[in-house]
Amino acid sequence: MTAQDEALEVWIDQDLCTGDGICAQYAPEVFELDIDGLAYVKSADDELLQEKGATTPVPLPLLNDVRDSAKECPGDCIHVRRVSDRVEVYGPDAK
């Protein structure tokens, strides 16, 4: 099974978020800035997930946008990991 086939989830460390909104520009279906100026992930039904460490599945069609968000994030606060073993595949802790 390749990384492309595996279920992935994404979360944002709001303590490191700079509020640039690059993630929301790349993947508005997954990320949104809240009134506090920080980015959060959204659930599959478009609900903002504000609890600390909240994760949301990465829709396969949006994988490249989510990956680019993690790469371009100035705060290095976007973490994308495999659901099966919780290993980070994109983001600051990816190997």
C-alpha atoms as a PDB file:
ATOM      1  CA  MET A   1       0.000   0.000   0.000  1.00  0.00           C
ATOM      2  CA  THR A   2       1.432   3.387  -0.944  1.00  0.00           C
ATOM      3  CA  ALA A   3       0.973   6.723   0.806  1.00  0.00           C
ATOM      4  CA  GLN A   4      -1.418   7.633  -2.019  1.00  0.00           C
ATOM      5  CA  ASP A   5      -3.677   4.698  -1.065  1.00  0.00           C
ATOM      6  CA  GLU A   6      -3.609   5.201   2.688  1.00  0.00           C
ATOM      7  CA  ALA A   7      -6.082   7.281   4.640  1.00  0.00           C
ATOM      8  CA  LEU A   8      -4.519  10.527   5.837  1.00  0.00           C
ATOM      9  CA  GLU A   9      -5.624  13.094   8.387  1.00  0.00           C
ATOM     10  CA  VAL A  10      -4.502  16.654   9.001  1.00  0.00           C
ATOM     11  CA  TRP A  11      -4.347  18.879  12.074  1.00  0.00           C
ATOM     12  CA  ILE A  12      -3.044  22.357  12.881  1.00  0.00           C
ATOM     13  CA  ASP A  13      -1.002  23.406  15.911  1.00  0.00           C
ATOM     14  CA  GLN A  14      -2.675  26.747  16.659  1.00  0.00           C
ATOM     15  CA  ASP A  15       0.165  27.640  19.074  1.00  0.00           C
ATOM     16  CA  LEU A  16       2.424  27.976  16.018  1.00  0.00           C
ATOM     17  CA  CYS A  17      -0.129  29.358  13.549  1.00  0.00           C
ATOM     18  CA  THR A  18       0.821  32.781  12.175  1.00  0.00           C
ATOM     19  CA  GLY A  19      -2.617  33.425  10.648  1.00  0.00           C
ATOM     20  CA  ASP A  20      -1.244  33.984   7.139  1.00  0.00           C
ATOM     21  CA  GLY A  21      -4.141  32.000   5.658  1.00  0.00           C
ATOM     22  CA  ILE A  22      -2.038  30.301   2.984  1.00  0.00           C
ATOM     23  CA  CYS A  23      -3.645  26.977   3.900  1.00  0.00           C
ATOM     24  CA  ALA A  24      -7.149  28.371   3.416  1.00  0.00           C
ATOM     25  CA  GLN A  25      -6.111  29.700   0.001  1.00  0.00           C
ATOM     26  CA  TYR A  26      -4.732  26.299  -1.084  1.00  0.00           C
ATOM     27  CA  ALA A  27      -7.494  24.117   0.363  1.00  0.00           C
ATOM     28  CA  PRO A  28     -10.530  26.114   1.554  1.00  0.00           C
ATOM     29  CA  GLU A  29     -12.497  22.858   1.772  1.00  0.00           C
ATOM     30  CA  VAL A  30     -10.138  21.699   4.572  1.00  0.00           C
ATOM     31  CA  PHE A  31      -8.828  24.876   6.278  1.00  0.00           C
ATOM     32  CA  GLU A  32     -10.453  28.082   7.475  1.00  0.00           C
ATOM     33  CA  LEU A  33      -9.381  31.134   9.451  1.00  0.00           C
ATOM     34  CA  ASP A  34     -11.544  31.809  12.498  1.00  0.00           C
ATOM     35  CA  ILE A  35     -12.371  35.175  14.064  1.00  0.00           C
ATOM     36  CA  ASP A  36      -9.319  34.730  16.337  1.00  0.00           C
ATOM     37  CA  GLY A  37      -7.151  35.011  13.206  1.00  0.00           C
ATOM     38  CA  LEU A  38      -5.879  31.434  13.435  1.00  0.00           C
ATOM     39  CA  ALA A  39      -6.385  28.562  11.019  1.00  0.00           C
ATOM     40  CA  TYR A  40      -8.408  25.462  11.870  1.00  0.00           C
ATOM     41  CA  VAL A  41      -9.350  22.287  10.034  1.00  0.00           C
ATOM     42  CA  LYS A  42     -12.943  21.665   9.002  1.00  0.00           C
ATOM     43  CA  SER A  43     -14.965  18.482   9.247  1.00  0.00           C
ATOM     44  CA  ALA A  44     -16.307  16.726   6.161  1.00  0.00           C
ATOM     45  CA  ASP A  45     -19.594  18.603   6.670  1.00  0.00           C
ATOM     46  CA  ASP A  46     -17.815  21.999   6.700  1.00  0.00           C
ATOM     47  CA  GLU A  47     -17.864  22.530  10.483  1.00  0.00           C
ATOM     48  CA  LEU A  48     -14.894  24.363  12.035  1.00  0.00           C
ATOM     49  CA  LEU A  49     -13.083  22.046  14.470  1.00  0.00           C
ATOM     50  CA  GLN A  50     -11.743  24.288  17.215  1.00  0.00           C
ATOM     51  CA  GLU A  51     -10.711  21.799  19.877  1.00  0.00           C
ATOM     52  CA  LYS A  52      -6.937  21.505  20.323  1.00  0.00           C
ATOM     53  CA  GLY A  53      -5.418  18.800  18.134  1.00  0.00           C
ATOM     54  CA  ALA A  54      -8.631  18.219  16.164  1.00  0.00           C
ATOM     55  CA  THR A  55      -8.005  16.191  13.026  1.00  0.00           C
ATOM     56  CA  THR A  56      -9.951  15.853   9.812  1.00  0.00           C
ATOM     57  CA  PRO A  57      -9.581  13.342   6.971  1.00  0.00           C
ATOM     58  CA  VAL A  58      -7.662  14.508   3.908  1.00  0.00           C
ATOM     59  CA  PRO A  59      -9.896  13.991   0.847  1.00  0.00           C
ATOM     60  CA  LEU A  60      -7.802  12.260  -1.808  1.00  0.00           C
ATOM     61  CA  PRO A  61      -8.634  14.835  -4.531  1.00  0.00           C
ATOM     62  CA  LEU A  62      -7.251  17.553  -2.209  1.00  0.00           C
ATOM     63  CA  LEU A  63      -4.087  15.725  -1.128  1.00  0.00           C
ATOM     64  CA  ASN A  64      -1.769  17.872  -3.260  1.00  0.00           C
ATOM     65  CA  ASP A  65      -3.384  21.099  -1.998  1.00  0.00           C
ATOM     66  CA  VAL A  66      -3.120  19.962   1.631  1.00  0.00           C
ATOM     67  CA  ARG A  67       0.500  18.847   1.095  1.00  0.00           C
ATOM     68  CA  ASP A  68       1.359  22.218  -0.471  1.00  0.00           C
ATOM     69  CA  SER A  69      -0.318  23.981   2.466  1.00  0.00           C
ATOM     70  CA  ALA A  70       1.922  22.091   4.882  1.00  0.00           C
ATOM     71  CA  LYS A  71       5.028  22.874   2.805  1.00  0.00           C
ATOM     72  CA  GLU A  72       4.271  26.586   2.371  1.00  0.00           C
ATOM     73  CA  CYS A  73       2.978  27.310   5.892  1.00  0.00           C
ATOM     74  CA  PRO A  74       5.214  30.003   7.455  1.00  0.00           C
ATOM     75  CA  GLY A  75       4.355  28.754  10.948  1.00  0.00           C
ATOM     76  CA  ASP A  76       5.232  25.103  10.170  1.00  0.00           C
ATOM     77  CA  CYS A  77       2.060  24.182  12.041  1.00  0.00           C
ATOM     78  CA  ILE A  78       0.226  21.868   9.576  1.00  0.00           C
ATOM     79  CA  HIS A  79       0.662  18.163  10.239  1.00  0.00           C
ATOM     80  CA  VAL A  80      -0.481  15.446   7.805  1.00  0.00           C
ATOM     81  CA  ARG A  81      -0.254  11.876   9.067  1.00  0.00           C
ATOM     82  CA  ARG A  82      -1.347   8.376   8.194  1.00  0.00           C
ATOM     83  CA  VAL A  83      -4.417   7.302  10.132  1.00  0.00           C
ATOM     84  CA  SER A  84      -3.175   3.711  10.453  1.00  0.00           C
ATOM     85  CA  ASP A  85       0.022   4.384  12.436  1.00  0.00           C
ATOM     86  CA  ARG A  86      -0.124   8.164  13.049  1.00  0.00           C
ATOM     87  CA  VAL A  87       3.211   8.690  11.277  1.00  0.00           C
ATOM     88  CA  GLU A  88       3.553  12.203   9.883  1.00  0.00           C
ATOM     89  CA  VAL A  89       4.066  12.195   6.120  1.00  0.00           C
ATOM     90  CA  TYR A  90       3.956  15.964   5.459  1.00  0.00           C
ATOM     91  CA  GLY A  91       4.709  18.793   7.847  1.00  0.00           C
ATOM     92  CA  PRO A  92       7.434  19.760  10.320  1.00  0.00           C
ATOM     93  CA  ASP A  93       7.710  16.295  11.914  1.00  0.00           C
ATOM     94  CA  ALA A  94       7.775  14.312   8.655  1.00  0.00           C
ATOM     95  CA  LYS A  95      10.865  12.187   8.123  1.00  0.00           C
END
